[in-house]
Amino acid sequence: MWLAKIYITLKPVVNDPQGLAIRGGLHTLGFQGVQSVRAGKYIEIRLEAEDRRAAGTAVQQMCTKLLANPVIEDFRFELES
């Protein structure tokens, strides 16, 4: 059994309206030192695979086919056994 921890973020060139709204909210709360915020997604998936390589291949495919939009998002993941 493997645990995949997946981090999905917008590419740097993509505008992030959610991040801007969060920054505005933080400024309203008095956190004036916040210069920028980028929002993203965090997903955990437990999966069965023969070994780390097979698990990594499966997670890579999940991300490219469904979980992340490769046009506007980057992703990375960690595997734990």
PDB file of N, CA and C in Angstrom:
ATOM      1  N   MET A   1       0.858  -1.182   0.000  1.00  0.00           N
ATOM      2  CA  MET A   1       0.000   0.000   0.000  1.00  0.00           C
ATOM      3  C   MET A   1       0.898   1.236   0.000  1.00  0.00           C
ATOM      4  N   TRP A   2       0.573   2.158  -0.853  1.00  0.00           N
ATOM      5  CA  TRP A   2       1.333   3.399  -0.999  1.00  0.00           C
ATOM      6  C   TRP A   2       0.428   4.592  -0.722  1.00  0.00           C
ATOM      7  N   LEU A   3       1.015   5.635  -0.194  1.00  0.00           N
ATOM      8  CA  LEU A   3       0.312   6.898  -0.007  1.00  0.00           C
ATOM      9  C   LEU A   3       0.981   7.934  -0.912  1.00  0.00           C
ATOM     10  N   ALA A   4       0.199   8.475  -1.838  1.00  0.00           N
ATOM     11  CA  ALA A   4       0.708   9.527  -2.718  1.00  0.00           C
ATOM     12  C   ALA A   4       0.202  10.866  -2.191  1.00  0.00           C
ATOM     13  N   LYS A   5       1.123  11.779  -1.955  1.00  0.00           N
ATOM     14  CA  LYS A   5       0.785  13.146  -1.562  1.00  0.00           C
ATOM     15  C   LYS A   5       1.051  14.023  -2.778  1.00  0.00           C
ATOM     16  N   ILE A   6      -0.027  14.581  -3.333  1.00  0.00           N
ATOM     17  CA  ILE A   6       0.057  15.298  -4.606  1.00  0.00           C
ATOM     18  C   ILE A   6      -0.179  16.787  -4.384  1.00  0.00           C
ATOM     19  N   TYR A   7       0.717  17.602  -4.914  1.00  0.00           N
ATOM     20  CA  TYR A   7       0.633  19.061  -4.801  1.00  0.00           C
ATOM     21  C   TYR A   7       0.447  19.635  -6.202  1.00  0.00           C
ATOM     22  N   ILE A   8      -0.653  20.360  -6.403  1.00  0.00           N
ATOM     23  CA  ILE A   8      -0.964  20.929  -7.707  1.00  0.00           C
ATOM     24  C   ILE A   8      -1.014  22.449  -7.562  1.00  0.00           C
ATOM     25  N   THR A   9      -0.246  23.141  -8.383  1.00  0.00           N
ATOM     26  CA  THR A   9      -0.210  24.603  -8.332  1.00  0.00           C
ATOM     27  C   THR A   9      -0.350  25.174  -9.737  1.00  0.00           C
ATOM     28  N   LEU A  10      -0.843  26.396  -9.799  1.00  0.00           N
ATOM     29  CA  LEU A  10      -0.912  27.082 -11.082  1.00  0.00           C
ATOM     30  C   LEU A  10       0.494  27.398 -11.567  1.00  0.00           C
ATOM     31  N   LYS A  11       0.698  27.352 -12.859  1.00  0.00           N
ATOM     32  CA  LYS A  11       1.995  27.738 -13.412  1.00  0.00           C
ATOM     33  C   LYS A  11       2.230  29.217 -13.113  1.00  0.00           C
ATOM     34  N   PRO A  12       3.489  29.625 -12.964  1.00  0.00           N
ATOM     35  CA  PRO A  12       3.792  31.008 -12.591  1.00  0.00           C
ATOM     36  C   PRO A  12       3.201  32.065 -13.523  1.00  0.00           C
ATOM     37  N   VAL A  13       3.012  31.742 -14.790  1.00  0.00           N
ATOM     38  CA  VAL A  13       2.503  32.736 -15.744  1.00  0.00           C
ATOM     39  C   VAL A  13       0.973  32.850 -15.729  1.00  0.00           C
ATOM     40  N   VAL A  14       0.302  31.998 -14.962  1.00  0.00           N
ATOM     41  CA  VAL A  14      -1.164  31.997 -14.910  1.00  0.00           C
ATOM     42  C   VAL A  14      -1.633  32.881 -13.760  1.00  0.00           C
ATOM     43  N   ASN A  15      -2.582  33.778 -14.049  1.00  0.00           N
ATOM     44  CA  ASN A  15      -3.160  34.613 -12.995  1.00  0.00           C
ATOM     45  C   ASN A  15      -3.855  33.742 -11.962  1.00  0.00           C
ATOM     46  N   ASP A  16      -3.806  34.178 -10.709  1.00  0.00           N
ATOM     47  CA  ASP A  16      -4.381  33.407  -9.604  1.00  0.00           C
ATOM     48  C   ASP A  16      -5.381  34.271  -8.838  1.00  0.00           C
ATOM     49  N   PRO A  17      -6.631  34.371  -9.297  1.00  0.00           N
ATOM     50  CA  PRO A  17      -7.612  35.213  -8.614  1.00  0.00           C
ATOM     51  C   PRO A  17      -7.883  34.765  -7.182  1.00  0.00           C
ATOM     52  N   GLN A  18      -7.841  33.467  -6.926  1.00  0.00           N
ATOM     53  CA  GLN A  18      -8.043  32.993  -5.557  1.00  0.00           C
ATOM     54  C   GLN A  18      -6.904  33.471  -4.655  1.00  0.00           C
ATOM     55  N   GLY A  19      -5.687  33.406  -5.155  1.00  0.00           N
ATOM     56  CA  GLY A  19      -4.539  33.892  -4.396  1.00  0.00           C
ATOM     57  C   GLY A  19      -4.652  35.381  -4.115  1.00  0.00           C
ATOM     58  N   LEU A  20      -5.114  36.152  -5.108  1.00  0.00           N
ATOM     59  CA  LEU A  20      -5.300  37.594  -4.904  1.00  0.00           C
ATOM     60  C   LEU A  20      -6.357  37.875  -3.840  1.00  0.00           C
ATOM     61  N   ALA A  21      -7.441  37.090  -3.846  1.00  0.00           N
ATOM     62  CA  ALA A  21      -8.492  37.273  -2.843  1.00  0.00           C
ATOM     63  C   ALA A  21      -7.978  36.935  -1.446  1.00  0.00           C
ATOM     64  N   ILE A  22      -7.179  35.888  -1.344  1.00  0.00           N
ATOM     65  CA  ILE A  22      -6.602  35.521  -0.049  1.00  0.00           C
ATOM     66  C   ILE A  22      -5.662  36.625   0.440  1.00  0.00           C
ATOM     67  N   ARG A  23      -4.824  37.125  -0.463  1.00  0.00           N
ATOM     68  CA  ARG A  23      -3.912  38.220  -0.090  1.00  0.00           C
ATOM     69  C   ARG A  23      -4.700  39.427   0.397  1.00  0.00           C
ATOM     70  N   GLY A  24      -5.787  39.785  -0.306  1.00  0.00           N
ATOM     71  CA  GLY A  24      -6.619  40.901   0.117  1.00  0.00           C
ATOM     72  C   GLY A  24      -7.215  40.671   1.495  1.00  0.00           C
ATOM     73  N   GLY A  25      -7.688  39.459   1.748  1.00  0.00           N
ATOM     74  CA  GLY A  25      -8.233  39.132   3.059  1.00  0.00           C
ATOM     75  C   GLY A  25      -7.189  39.226   4.153  1.00  0.00           C
ATOM     76  N   LEU A  26      -5.987  38.757   3.866  1.00  0.00           N
ATOM     77  CA  LEU A  26      -4.905  38.847   4.854  1.00  0.00           C
ATOM     78  C   LEU A  26      -4.533  40.299   5.136  1.00  0.00           C
ATOM     79  N   HIS A  27      -4.515  41.122   4.102  1.00  0.00           N
ATOM     80  CA  HIS A  27      -4.243  42.549   4.299  1.00  0.00           C
ATOM     81  C   HIS A  27      -5.323  43.174   5.175  1.00  0.00           C
ATOM     82  N   THR A  28      -6.581  42.816   4.925  1.00  0.00           N
ATOM     83  CA  THR A  28      -7.689  43.332   5.731  1.00  0.00           C
ATOM     84  C   THR A  28      -7.533  42.941   7.197  1.00  0.00           C
ATOM     85  N   LEU A  29      -6.984  41.763   7.430  1.00  0.00           N
ATOM     86  CA  LEU A  29      -6.780  41.294   8.805  1.00  0.00           C
ATOM     87  C   LEU A  29      -5.519  41.867   9.448  1.00  0.00           C
ATOM     88  N   GLY A  30      -4.802  42.704   8.724  1.00  0.00           N
ATOM     89  CA  GLY A  30      -3.636  43.369   9.287  1.00  0.00           C
ATOM     90  C   GLY A  30      -2.300  42.765   8.914  1.00  0.00           C
ATOM     91  N   PHE A  31      -2.284  41.774   8.060  1.00  0.00           N
ATOM     92  CA  PHE A  31      -1.028  41.152   7.647  1.00  0.00           C
ATOM     93  C   PHE A  31      -0.489  41.863   6.406  1.00  0.00           C
ATOM     94  N   GLN A  32      -0.046  43.099   6.589  1.00  0.00           N
ATOM     95  CA  GLN A  32       0.394  43.942   5.472  1.00  0.00           C
ATOM     96  C   GLN A  32       1.680  43.461   4.824  1.00  0.00           C
ATOM     97  N   GLY A  33       2.439  42.625   5.506  1.00  0.00           N
ATOM     98  CA  GLY A  33       3.703  42.133   4.957  1.00  0.00           C
ATOM     99  C   GLY A  33       3.536  41.065   3.886  1.00  0.00           C
ATOM    100  N   VAL A  34       2.325  40.555   3.702  1.00  0.00           N
ATOM    101  CA  VAL A  34       2.109  39.519   2.693  1.00  0.00           C
ATOM    102  C   VAL A  34       2.198  40.155   1.305  1.00  0.00           C
ATOM    103  N   GLN A  35       3.168  39.723   0.526  1.00  0.00           N
ATOM    104  CA  GLN A  35       3.394  40.276  -0.805  1.00  0.00           C
ATOM    105  C   GLN A  35       2.592  39.558  -1.877  1.00  0.00           C
ATOM    106  N   SER A  36       2.503  38.237  -1.782  1.00  0.00           N
ATOM    107  CA  SER A  36       1.758  37.482  -2.791  1.00  0.00           C
ATOM    108  C   SER A  36       1.312  36.151  -2.209  1.00  0.00           C
ATOM    109  N   VAL A  37       0.275  35.603  -2.813  1.00  0.00           N
ATOM    110  CA  VAL A  37      -0.257  34.302  -2.415  1.00  0.00           C
ATOM    111  C   VAL A  37      -0.569  33.524  -3.689  1.00  0.00           C
ATOM    112  N   ARG A  38      -0.176  32.277  -3.731  1.00  0.00           N
ATOM    113  CA  ARG A  38      -0.541  31.366  -4.816  1.00  0.00           C
ATOM    114  C   ARG A  38      -1.313  30.222  -4.175  1.00  0.00           C
ATOM    115  N   ALA A  39      -2.525  29.984  -4.610  1.00  0.00           N
ATOM    116  CA  ALA A  39      -3.345  28.909  -4.071  1.00  0.00           C
ATOM    117  C   ALA A  39      -3.198  27.670  -4.949  1.00  0.00           C
ATOM    118  N   GLY A  40      -3.394  26.522  -4.351  1.00  0.00           N
ATOM    119  CA  GLY A  40      -3.289  25.278  -5.100  1.00  0.00           C
ATOM    120  C   GLY A  40      -4.155  24.204  -4.487  1.00  0.00           C
ATOM    121  N   LYS A  41      -3.889  22.966  -4.880  1.00  0.00           N
ATOM    122  CA  LYS A  41      -4.642  21.821  -4.382  1.00  0.00           C
ATOM    123  C   LYS A  41      -3.670  20.811  -3.780  1.00  0.00           C
ATOM    124  N   TYR A  42      -4.154  20.116  -2.749  1.00  0.00           N
ATOM    125  CA  TYR A  42      -3.405  19.029  -2.133  1.00  0.00           C
ATOM    126  C   TYR A  42      -4.321  17.822  -2.120  1.00  0.00           C
ATOM    127  N   ILE A  43      -3.840  16.699  -2.632  1.00  0.00           N
ATOM    128  CA  ILE A  43      -4.641  15.482  -2.721  1.00  0.00           C
ATOM    129  C   ILE A  43      -3.828  14.322  -2.171  1.00  0.00           C
ATOM    130  N   GLU A  44      -4.473  13.475  -1.371  1.00  0.00           N
ATOM    131  CA  GLU A  44      -3.849  12.236  -0.912  1.00  0.00           C
ATOM    132  C   GLU A  44      -4.589  11.064  -1.535  1.00  0.00           C
ATOM    133  N   ILE A  45      -3.827  10.123  -2.060  1.00  0.00           N
ATOM    134  CA  ILE A  45      -4.402   8.917  -2.653  1.00  0.00           C
ATOM    135  C   ILE A  45      -3.656   7.709  -2.096  1.00  0.00           C
ATOM    136  N   ARG A  46      -4.415   6.759  -1.578  1.00  0.00           N
ATOM    137  CA  ARG A  46      -3.836   5.475  -1.174  1.00  0.00           C
ATOM    138  C   ARG A  46      -4.063   4.494  -2.319  1.00  0.00           C
ATOM    139  N   LEU A  47      -2.995   3.805  -2.709  1.00  0.00           N
ATOM    140  CA  LEU A  47      -3.111   2.876  -3.811  1.00  0.00           C
ATOM    141  C   LEU A  47      -2.230   1.669  -3.598  1.00  0.00           C
ATOM    142  N   GLU A  48      -2.621   0.587  -4.236  1.00  0.00           N
ATOM    143  CA  GLU A  48      -1.816  -0.625  -4.219  1.00  0.00           C
ATOM    144  C   GLU A  48      -1.023  -0.692  -5.511  1.00  0.00           C
ATOM    145  N   ALA A  49       0.239  -1.060  -5.368  1.00  0.00           N
ATOM    146  CA  ALA A  49       1.119  -1.225  -6.525  1.00  0.00           C
ATOM    147  C   ALA A  49       2.238  -2.172  -6.122  1.00  0.00           C
ATOM    148  N   GLU A  50       2.820  -2.828  -7.106  1.00  0.00           N
ATOM    149  CA  GLU A  50       3.879  -3.808  -6.841  1.00  0.00           C
ATOM    150  C   GLU A  50       5.091  -3.201  -6.146  1.00  0.00           C
ATOM    151  N   ASP A  51       5.492  -2.008  -6.594  1.00  0.00           N
ATOM    152  CA  ASP A  51       6.677  -1.368  -6.043  1.00  0.00           C
ATOM    153  C   ASP A  51       6.566   0.149  -6.228  1.00  0.00           C
ATOM    154  N   ARG A  52       7.582   0.858  -5.747  1.00  0.00           N
ATOM    155  CA  ARG A  52       7.581   2.327  -5.822  1.00  0.00           C
ATOM    156  C   ARG A  52       7.492   2.811  -7.272  1.00  0.00           C
ATOM    157  N   ARG A  53       8.195   2.162  -8.165  1.00  0.00           N
ATOM    158  CA  ARG A  53       8.181   2.596  -9.563  1.00  0.00           C
ATOM    159  C   ARG A  53       6.778   2.473 -10.166  1.00  0.00           C
ATOM    160  N   ALA A  54       6.104   1.377  -9.913  1.00  0.00           N
ATOM    161  CA  ALA A  54       4.743   1.181 -10.441  1.00  0.00           C
ATOM    162  C   ALA A  54       3.781   2.187  -9.822  1.00  0.00           C
ATOM    163  N   ALA A  55       3.937   2.450  -8.537  1.00  0.00           N
ATOM    164  CA  ALA A  55       3.080   3.440  -7.868  1.00  0.00           C
ATOM    165  C   ALA A  55       3.321   4.824  -8.470  1.00  0.00           C
ATOM    166  N   GLY A  56       4.587   5.176  -8.661  1.00  0.00           N
ATOM    167  CA  GLY A  56       4.920   6.482  -9.234  1.00  0.00           C
ATOM    168  C   GLY A  56       4.373   6.641 -10.645  1.00  0.00           C
ATOM    169  N   THR A  57       4.459   5.595 -11.434  1.00  0.00           N
ATOM    170  CA  THR A  57       3.922   5.640 -12.794  1.00  0.00           C
ATOM    171  C   THR A  57       2.414   5.844 -12.777  1.00  0.00           C
ATOM    172  N   ALA A  58       1.727   5.116 -11.883  1.00  0.00           N
ATOM    173  CA  ALA A  58       0.271   5.247 -11.780  1.00  0.00           C
ATOM    174  C   ALA A  58      -0.127   6.662 -11.358  1.00  0.00           C
ATOM    175  N   VAL A  59       0.562   7.214 -10.372  1.00  0.00           N
ATOM    176  CA  VAL A  59       0.233   8.557  -9.893  1.00  0.00           C
ATOM    177  C   VAL A  59       0.526   9.595 -10.982  1.00  0.00           C
ATOM    178  N   GLN A  60       1.619   9.443 -11.673  1.00  0.00           N
ATOM    179  CA  GLN A  60       1.957  10.341 -12.790  1.00  0.00           C
ATOM    180  C   GLN A  60       0.830  10.353 -13.808  1.00  0.00           C
ATOM    181  N   GLN A  61       0.334   9.179 -14.164  1.00  0.00           N
ATOM    182  CA  GLN A  61      -0.755   9.084 -15.137  1.00  0.00           C
ATOM    183  C   GLN A  61      -2.043   9.697 -14.598  1.00  0.00           C
ATOM    184  N   MET A  62      -2.336   9.472 -13.318  1.00  0.00           N
ATOM    185  CA  MET A  62      -3.529  10.070 -12.712  1.00  0.00           C
ATOM    186  C   MET A  62      -3.486  11.589 -12.812  1.00  0.00           C
ATOM    187  N   CYS A  63      -2.316  12.132 -12.534  1.00  0.00           N
ATOM    188  CA  CYS A  63      -2.166  13.593 -12.563  1.00  0.00           C
ATOM    189  C   CYS A  63      -2.305  14.141 -13.977  1.00  0.00           C
ATOM    190  N   THR A  64      -1.669  13.505 -14.933  1.00  0.00           N
ATOM    191  CA  THR A  64      -1.713  14.037 -16.295  1.00  0.00           C
ATOM    192  C   THR A  64      -3.057  13.809 -16.976  1.00  0.00           C
ATOM    193  N   LYS A  65      -3.784  12.764 -16.577  1.00  0.00           N
ATOM    194  CA  LYS A  65      -5.057  12.453 -17.232  1.00  0.00           C
ATOM    195  C   LYS A  65      -6.270  13.095 -16.570  1.00  0.00           C
ATOM    196  N   LEU A  66      -6.190  13.376 -15.245  1.00  0.00           N
ATOM    197  CA  LEU A  66      -7.384  13.864 -14.563  1.00  0.00           C
ATOM    198  C   LEU A  66      -7.126  14.939 -13.516  1.00  0.00           C
ATOM    199  N   LEU A  67      -6.162  14.729 -12.645  1.00  0.00           N
ATOM    200  CA  LEU A  67      -6.051  15.570 -11.456  1.00  0.00           C
ATOM    201  C   LEU A  67      -5.524  16.969 -11.728  1.00  0.00           C
ATOM    202  N   ALA A  68      -4.639  17.119 -12.700  1.00  0.00           N
ATOM    203  CA  ALA A  68      -4.056  18.429 -13.005  1.00  0.00           C
ATOM    204  C   ALA A  68      -4.301  18.770 -14.471  1.00  0.00           C
ATOM    205  N   ASN A  69      -4.466  20.040 -14.725  1.00  0.00           N
ATOM    206  CA  ASN A  69      -4.605  20.524 -16.097  1.00  0.00           C
ATOM    207  C   ASN A  69      -3.210  20.947 -16.559  1.00  0.00           C
ATOM    208  N   PRO A  70      -2.569  20.165 -17.417  1.00  0.00           N
ATOM    209  CA  PRO A  70      -1.174  20.446 -17.780  1.00  0.00           C
ATOM    210  C   PRO A  70      -0.976  21.770 -18.519  1.00  0.00           C
ATOM    211  N   VAL A  71      -2.038  22.357 -19.033  1.00  0.00           N
ATOM    212  CA  VAL A  71      -1.917  23.638 -19.723  1.00  0.00           C
ATOM    213  C   VAL A  71      -1.644  24.761 -18.732  1.00  0.00           C
ATOM    214  N   ILE A  72      -2.293  24.711 -17.565  1.00  0.00           N
ATOM    215  CA  ILE A  72      -2.171  25.817 -16.608  1.00  0.00           C
ATOM    216  C   ILE A  72      -1.621  25.416 -15.237  1.00  0.00           C
ATOM    217  N   GLU A  73      -1.434  24.112 -15.000  1.00  0.00           N
ATOM    218  CA  GLU A  73      -1.002  23.670 -13.674  1.00  0.00           C
ATOM    219  C   GLU A  73       0.249  22.806 -13.744  1.00  0.00           C
ATOM    220  N   ASP A  74       1.048  22.915 -12.693  1.00  0.00           N
ATOM    221  CA  ASP A  74       2.181  22.027 -12.466  1.00  0.00           C
ATOM    222  C   ASP A  74       1.808  21.112 -11.316  1.00  0.00           C
ATOM    223  N   PHE A  75       2.456  19.962 -11.241  1.00  0.00           N
ATOM    224  CA  PHE A  75       2.219  19.088 -10.097  1.00  0.00           C
ATOM    225  C   PHE A  75       3.516  18.396  -9.710  1.00  0.00           C
ATOM    226  N   ARG A  76       3.532  17.955  -8.482  1.00  0.00           N
ATOM    227  CA  ARG A  76       4.604  17.125  -7.976  1.00  0.00           C
ATOM    228  C   ARG A  76       3.973  16.202  -6.949  1.00  0.00           C
ATOM    229  N   PHE A  77       4.640  15.107  -6.656  1.00  0.00           N
ATOM    230  CA  PHE A  77       4.083  14.196  -5.661  1.00  0.00           C
ATOM    231  C   PHE A  77       5.193  13.492  -4.902  1.00  0.00           C
ATOM    232  N   GLU A  78       4.815  13.015  -3.737  1.00  0.00           N
ATOM    233  CA  GLU A  78       5.691  12.227  -2.883  1.00  0.00           C
ATOM    234  C   GLU A  78       5.001  10.897  -2.646  1.00  0.00           C
ATOM    235  N   LEU A  79       5.775   9.837  -2.531  1.00  0.00           N
ATOM    236  CA  LEU A  79       5.229   8.514  -2.223  1.00  0.00           C
ATOM    237  C   LEU A  79       5.753   8.039  -0.888  1.00  0.00           C
ATOM    238  N   GLU A  80       4.859   7.502  -0.079  1.00  0.00           N
ATOM    239  CA  GLU A  80       5.226   6.875   1.192  1.00  0.00           C
ATOM    240  C   GLU A  80       4.680   5.460   1.191  1.00  0.00           C
ATOM    241  N   SER A  81       5.460   4.541   1.747  1.00  0.00           N
ATOM    242  CA  SER A  81       4.969   3.161   1.814  1.00  0.00           C
ATOM    243  C   SER A  81       4.271   2.912   3.131  1.00  0.00           C
TER     244      SER A  81
END
